[in-house]
Protein backbone atom coordinates (compact mmCIF):
# COMPACT_ATOMS: atom_id res chain seq x y z
CA UNK A 1 -20.99 -7.30 14.40
CA UNK A 2 -20.90 -9.16 11.05
CA UNK A 3 -20.78 -12.90 11.08
CA UNK A 4 -20.42 -15.04 7.90
CA UNK A 5 -19.75 -18.73 7.29
CA UNK A 6 -17.25 -19.56 4.52
CA UNK A 7 -15.96 -22.83 3.10
CA UNK A 8 -12.25 -23.69 2.92
CA UNK A 9 -11.34 -24.85 -0.60
CA UNK A 10 -9.17 -27.89 -1.35
CA UNK A 11 -6.23 -25.49 -1.66
CA UNK A 12 -6.90 -24.10 1.84
CA UNK A 13 -8.32 -20.79 0.57
CA UNK A 14 -11.32 -18.90 1.74
CA UNK A 15 -13.21 -16.04 0.10
CA UNK A 16 -13.57 -13.04 2.42
CA UNK A 17 -17.05 -11.58 1.86
CA UNK A 18 -17.19 -8.17 0.19
CA UNK A 19 -18.79 -6.52 3.23
CA UNK A 20 -15.91 -7.62 5.44
CA UNK A 21 -13.22 -6.59 2.92
CA UNK A 22 -14.70 -3.16 2.70
CA UNK A 23 -15.05 -2.86 6.44
CA UNK A 24 -11.35 -3.81 6.91
CA UNK A 25 -10.32 -1.19 4.34
CA UNK A 26 -7.05 -2.83 3.42
CA UNK A 27 -5.81 -5.24 0.79
CA UNK A 28 -3.06 -6.51 3.15
CA UNK A 29 -4.25 -8.54 6.07
CA UNK A 30 -2.52 -10.18 9.06
CA UNK A 31 -3.85 -13.58 10.21
CA UNK A 32 -3.31 -14.56 13.84
CA UNK A 33 -4.12 -18.00 15.11
CA UNK A 34 -5.01 -17.86 18.82
CA UNK A 35 -6.77 -20.65 20.79
CA UNK A 36 -8.00 -22.37 17.55
CA UNK A 37 -9.44 -19.05 16.29
CA UNK A 38 -8.19 -17.10 13.30
CA UNK A 39 -8.13 -13.34 13.78
CA UNK A 40 -7.92 -11.22 10.62
CA UNK A 41 -6.57 -7.71 11.02
CA UNK A 42 -5.94 -4.98 8.43
CA UNK A 43 -2.32 -3.96 7.83
CA UNK A 44 -1.36 -0.65 6.37
CA UNK A 45 1.13 -0.89 3.50
CA UNK A 46 4.59 0.50 4.23
CA UNK A 47 4.07 3.67 2.25
CA UNK A 48 0.75 4.36 3.89
CA UNK A 49 2.14 3.81 7.35
CA UNK A 50 5.03 6.28 6.70
CA UNK A 51 3.03 9.01 5.00
CA UNK A 52 2.75 11.13 8.15
CA UNK A 53 6.54 11.45 8.18
CA UNK A 54 6.94 12.30 4.45
CA UNK A 55 7.25 15.84 3.20
CA UNK A 56 4.78 16.82 0.48
CA UNK A 57 6.38 16.90 -2.97
CA UNK A 58 5.39 19.13 -5.96
CA UNK A 59 5.70 16.51 -8.66
CA UNK A 60 5.64 18.99 -11.51
CA UNK A 61 8.51 20.99 -9.96
CA UNK A 62 10.44 17.81 -9.17
CA UNK A 63 10.08 16.61 -12.75
CA UNK A 64 11.27 19.96 -14.14
CA UNK A 65 14.26 19.95 -11.84
CA UNK A 66 15.17 16.37 -12.83
CA UNK A 67 14.97 17.29 -16.54
CA UNK A 68 17.04 20.43 -16.01
CA UNK A 69 19.68 18.38 -14.15
CA UNK A 70 19.71 15.71 -16.82
CA UNK A 71 20.21 18.34 -19.60
CA UNK A 72 23.02 19.97 -17.65
CA UNK A 73 24.78 16.63 -17.14
CA UNK A 74 24.48 15.78 -20.81
CA UNK A 75 25.14 19.15 -22.51
CA UNK A 76 26.76 21.26 -19.78
CA UNK A 77 25.52 24.46 -18.17
CA UNK A 78 24.98 26.30 -21.45
CA UNK A 79 27.15 29.19 -20.33
CA UNK A 80 30.25 29.75 -22.46
């Protein structure tokens, strides 16, 4: 268990110590107020939480296909 004491600034901000930020492993955090205690939990970003459902994409192939389609739309199929 890691325990740290931090001061709340005049703007109501605190600095989360580096060790805790690294342990949480997320830049997005959820704060829950329960019984006068603040609980800080890591939250996955939307893209990260959906990655298990996404199909892998070959970016080079996708880029080539997009260029080919753009050229076809602009200049036609090239077959006369």
